[in-house]
Amino acid sequence: MFAGAFVHPNHSEVIPTCPEIIVRQDGSSKNDCERNGAKRYLDDFRRDHPLLKTIVIEDGPSSNAPHIRELQHHDLRYIPGV
């Protein structure tokens, strides 16, 4: 599963957002991957929250050029962990 959450340093509440299940997609012969799940998640996130100013904080596997371009495409700021 690829999931995100709304967090804020001044609040103790955490609100999960539109999780994306990573499974074989209809009509596909290959298993899905985290990168494709992230693309679907970002599409859903921006559709649901088109104007929300967001900083995406992710771990090492997301620190790659295609994923960073996807974040930029969706007008999201990011802090990748390396």
N, C-alpha and C. Protein backbone atom coordinates (compact mmCIF):
# COMPACT_ATOMS: atom_id res chain seq x y z
N MET A 1 0.84 -1.17 0.00
CA MET A 1 0.00 0.00 0.00
C MET A 1 0.89 1.24 0.00
N PHE A 2 0.50 2.21 -0.79
CA PHE A 2 1.14 3.52 -0.78
C PHE A 2 0.14 4.46 -0.13
N ALA A 3 0.54 5.10 0.96
CA ALA A 3 -0.39 5.95 1.70
C ALA A 3 0.28 7.23 2.13
N GLY A 4 -0.54 8.21 2.40
CA GLY A 4 -0.06 9.48 2.91
C GLY A 4 -0.95 9.92 4.05
N ALA A 5 -0.54 10.98 4.71
CA ALA A 5 -1.33 11.51 5.82
C ALA A 5 -1.06 13.00 5.95
N PHE A 6 -2.06 13.71 6.44
CA PHE A 6 -1.88 15.11 6.79
C PHE A 6 -1.33 15.15 8.20
N VAL A 7 -0.20 15.82 8.37
CA VAL A 7 0.39 16.01 9.70
C VAL A 7 0.81 17.47 9.82
N HIS A 8 0.85 17.94 11.05
CA HIS A 8 1.28 19.31 11.30
C HIS A 8 2.07 19.31 12.60
N PRO A 9 3.18 20.03 12.65
CA PRO A 9 4.03 19.98 13.85
C PRO A 9 3.35 20.51 15.11
N ASN A 10 2.31 21.33 14.97
CA ASN A 10 1.65 21.91 16.14
C ASN A 10 0.39 21.17 16.56
N HIS A 11 0.07 20.06 15.89
CA HIS A 11 -1.14 19.30 16.20
C HIS A 11 -0.80 17.83 16.38
N SER A 12 -1.49 17.17 17.30
CA SER A 12 -1.21 15.75 17.54
C SER A 12 -2.05 14.84 16.64
N GLU A 13 -3.04 15.38 15.94
CA GLU A 13 -3.88 14.58 15.06
C GLU A 13 -3.15 14.26 13.75
N VAL A 14 -3.40 13.07 13.25
CA VAL A 14 -2.88 12.64 11.95
C VAL A 14 -4.08 12.16 11.14
N ILE A 15 -4.23 12.68 9.92
CA ILE A 15 -5.38 12.34 9.09
C ILE A 15 -4.89 11.60 7.85
N PRO A 16 -5.19 10.29 7.72
CA PRO A 16 -4.77 9.54 6.53
C PRO A 16 -5.50 10.02 5.28
N THR A 17 -4.83 9.91 4.14
CA THR A 17 -5.42 10.31 2.86
C THR A 17 -5.41 9.16 1.88
N CYS A 18 -6.37 9.12 1.02
CA CYS A 18 -6.56 8.21 -0.11
C CYS A 18 -5.46 7.14 -0.31
N PRO A 19 -5.44 6.06 0.48
CA PRO A 19 -4.40 5.03 0.28
C PRO A 19 -4.54 4.36 -1.08
N GLU A 20 -3.42 3.98 -1.65
CA GLU A 20 -3.40 3.32 -2.96
C GLU A 20 -2.85 1.91 -2.79
N ILE A 21 -3.67 0.93 -3.09
CA ILE A 21 -3.27 -0.47 -2.97
C ILE A 21 -2.37 -0.84 -4.14
N ILE A 22 -1.29 -1.54 -3.87
CA ILE A 22 -0.35 -1.95 -4.92
C ILE A 22 -0.63 -3.42 -5.23
N VAL A 23 -1.43 -3.64 -6.25
CA VAL A 23 -1.79 -4.99 -6.71
C VAL A 23 -1.76 -5.00 -8.23
N ARG A 24 -1.82 -6.18 -8.79
CA ARG A 24 -1.85 -6.31 -10.24
C ARG A 24 -3.10 -5.61 -10.77
N GLN A 25 -2.92 -4.73 -11.74
CA GLN A 25 -4.04 -3.97 -12.31
C GLN A 25 -4.77 -4.81 -13.35
N ASP A 26 -6.04 -4.50 -13.57
CA ASP A 26 -6.85 -5.23 -14.55
C ASP A 26 -6.17 -5.23 -15.92
N GLY A 27 -6.09 -6.40 -16.53
CA GLY A 27 -5.53 -6.52 -17.86
C GLY A 27 -4.02 -6.53 -17.91
N SER A 28 -3.35 -6.47 -16.78
CA SER A 28 -1.90 -6.44 -16.74
C SER A 28 -1.36 -7.84 -16.44
N SER A 29 -0.24 -8.18 -17.06
CA SER A 29 0.38 -9.47 -16.79
C SER A 29 1.50 -9.35 -15.75
N LYS A 30 1.89 -8.13 -15.42
CA LYS A 30 2.96 -7.90 -14.45
C LYS A 30 2.38 -7.39 -13.14
N ASN A 31 3.10 -7.66 -12.05
CA ASN A 31 2.69 -7.11 -10.77
C ASN A 31 2.92 -5.60 -10.76
N ASP A 32 2.15 -4.91 -9.96
CA ASP A 32 2.27 -3.47 -9.83
C ASP A 32 3.50 -3.15 -8.97
N CYS A 33 3.87 -1.88 -8.89
CA CYS A 33 5.02 -1.49 -8.09
C CYS A 33 4.72 -0.19 -7.35
N GLU A 34 5.58 0.16 -6.40
CA GLU A 34 5.40 1.36 -5.59
C GLU A 34 5.40 2.62 -6.45
N ARG A 35 6.20 2.65 -7.48
CA ARG A 35 6.27 3.83 -8.35
C ARG A 35 4.94 4.09 -9.05
N ASN A 36 4.31 3.03 -9.58
CA ASN A 36 3.01 3.20 -10.22
C ASN A 36 1.93 3.55 -9.21
N GLY A 37 2.01 2.95 -8.02
CA GLY A 37 1.06 3.28 -6.96
C GLY A 37 1.19 4.74 -6.55
N ALA A 38 2.41 5.24 -6.51
CA ALA A 38 2.64 6.64 -6.15
C ALA A 38 2.03 7.57 -7.20
N LYS A 39 2.16 7.22 -8.48
CA LYS A 39 1.56 8.05 -9.53
C LYS A 39 0.05 8.11 -9.37
N ARG A 40 -0.59 6.97 -9.13
CA ARG A 40 -2.04 6.95 -8.94
C ARG A 40 -2.43 7.75 -7.69
N TYR A 41 -1.65 7.59 -6.62
CA TYR A 41 -1.92 8.31 -5.38
C TYR A 41 -1.86 9.82 -5.62
N LEU A 42 -0.81 10.29 -6.29
CA LEU A 42 -0.66 11.72 -6.53
C LEU A 42 -1.78 12.27 -7.41
N ASP A 43 -2.21 11.49 -8.41
CA ASP A 43 -3.34 11.90 -9.23
C ASP A 43 -4.60 12.06 -8.37
N ASP A 44 -4.87 11.07 -7.53
CA ASP A 44 -6.05 11.12 -6.65
C ASP A 44 -5.94 12.26 -5.66
N PHE A 45 -4.76 12.44 -5.08
CA PHE A 45 -4.55 13.49 -4.08
C PHE A 45 -4.82 14.86 -4.68
N ARG A 46 -4.26 15.14 -5.85
CA ARG A 46 -4.44 16.45 -6.48
C ARG A 46 -5.87 16.64 -6.97
N ARG A 47 -6.53 15.58 -7.38
CA ARG A 47 -7.93 15.70 -7.79
C ARG A 47 -8.79 16.09 -6.57
N ASP A 48 -8.50 15.49 -5.41
CA ASP A 48 -9.27 15.77 -4.19
C ASP A 48 -8.87 17.09 -3.54
N HIS A 49 -7.62 17.51 -3.68
CA HIS A 49 -7.10 18.72 -3.02
C HIS A 49 -6.28 19.54 -4.02
N PRO A 50 -6.95 20.14 -5.02
CA PRO A 50 -6.21 20.79 -6.10
C PRO A 50 -5.40 22.02 -5.71
N LEU A 51 -5.79 22.73 -4.67
CA LEU A 51 -5.10 23.97 -4.32
C LEU A 51 -4.34 23.90 -3.01
N LEU A 52 -4.32 22.76 -2.38
CA LEU A 52 -3.68 22.62 -1.07
C LEU A 52 -2.16 22.72 -1.19
N LYS A 53 -1.57 23.63 -0.42
CA LYS A 53 -0.11 23.74 -0.39
C LYS A 53 0.41 22.59 0.45
N THR A 54 1.30 21.79 -0.13
CA THR A 54 1.73 20.55 0.51
C THR A 54 3.22 20.36 0.37
N ILE A 55 3.84 19.82 1.42
CA ILE A 55 5.24 19.39 1.37
C ILE A 55 5.21 17.88 1.56
N VAL A 56 5.73 17.15 0.60
CA VAL A 56 5.77 15.69 0.64
C VAL A 56 7.11 15.27 1.24
N ILE A 57 7.07 14.46 2.29
CA ILE A 57 8.27 13.94 2.93
C ILE A 57 8.27 12.43 2.71
N GLU A 58 9.30 11.91 2.05
CA GLU A 58 9.33 10.49 1.69
C GLU A 58 10.67 9.86 2.04
N ASP A 59 10.69 8.53 2.02
CA ASP A 59 11.92 7.81 2.34
C ASP A 59 12.74 7.54 1.07
N GLY A 60 13.85 6.85 1.22
CA GLY A 60 14.84 6.62 0.18
C GLY A 60 14.35 6.08 -1.16
N PRO A 61 13.49 5.06 -1.20
CA PRO A 61 13.09 4.52 -2.50
C PRO A 61 12.42 5.55 -3.41
N SER A 62 11.89 6.62 -2.85
CA SER A 62 11.22 7.64 -3.65
C SER A 62 12.18 8.71 -4.17
N SER A 63 13.44 8.60 -3.83
CA SER A 63 14.43 9.61 -4.25
C SER A 63 14.98 9.25 -5.63
N ASN A 64 14.13 9.41 -6.65
CA ASN A 64 14.58 9.15 -8.01
C ASN A 64 13.97 10.19 -8.94
N ALA A 65 14.62 10.42 -10.06
CA ALA A 65 14.21 11.50 -10.96
C ALA A 65 12.78 11.35 -11.47
N PRO A 66 12.33 10.16 -11.91
CA PRO A 66 10.94 10.08 -12.40
C PRO A 66 9.91 10.46 -11.34
N HIS A 67 10.15 10.05 -10.11
CA HIS A 67 9.19 10.37 -9.05
C HIS A 67 9.23 11.86 -8.71
N ILE A 68 10.40 12.45 -8.69
CA ILE A 68 10.52 13.88 -8.40
C ILE A 68 9.85 14.70 -9.51
N ARG A 69 9.99 14.26 -10.76
CA ARG A 69 9.29 14.95 -11.85
C ARG A 69 7.78 14.85 -11.67
N GLU A 70 7.30 13.71 -11.19
CA GLU A 70 5.87 13.53 -10.94
C GLU A 70 5.40 14.49 -9.83
N LEU A 71 6.19 14.65 -8.77
CA LEU A 71 5.85 15.60 -7.72
C LEU A 71 5.79 17.03 -8.27
N GLN A 72 6.75 17.37 -9.10
CA GLN A 72 6.78 18.71 -9.70
C GLN A 72 5.59 18.92 -10.63
N HIS A 73 5.23 17.87 -11.37
CA HIS A 73 4.08 17.94 -12.27
C HIS A 73 2.80 18.28 -11.50
N HIS A 74 2.68 17.77 -10.28
CA HIS A 74 1.51 18.01 -9.45
C HIS A 74 1.68 19.24 -8.55
N ASP A 75 2.71 20.04 -8.79
CA ASP A 75 2.98 21.26 -8.05
C ASP A 75 3.08 21.00 -6.55
N LEU A 76 3.84 19.96 -6.18
CA LEU A 76 4.07 19.62 -4.77
C LEU A 76 5.52 19.90 -4.42
N ARG A 77 5.74 20.44 -3.25
CA ARG A 77 7.09 20.61 -2.72
C ARG A 77 7.47 19.29 -2.08
N TYR A 78 8.76 19.02 -1.93
CA TYR A 78 9.16 17.70 -1.45
C TYR A 78 10.45 17.76 -0.66
N ILE A 79 10.59 16.81 0.27
CA ILE A 79 11.83 16.60 1.01
C ILE A 79 12.08 15.09 0.96
N PRO A 80 12.93 14.64 0.04
CA PRO A 80 13.20 13.20 -0.05
C PRO A 80 14.27 12.77 0.97
N GLY A 81 14.06 11.65 1.58
CA GLY A 81 15.09 11.07 2.43
C GLY A 81 16.02 10.22 1.59
N VAL A 82 17.30 10.34 1.79
CA VAL A 82 18.25 9.60 0.95
C VAL A 82 19.09 8.70 1.83
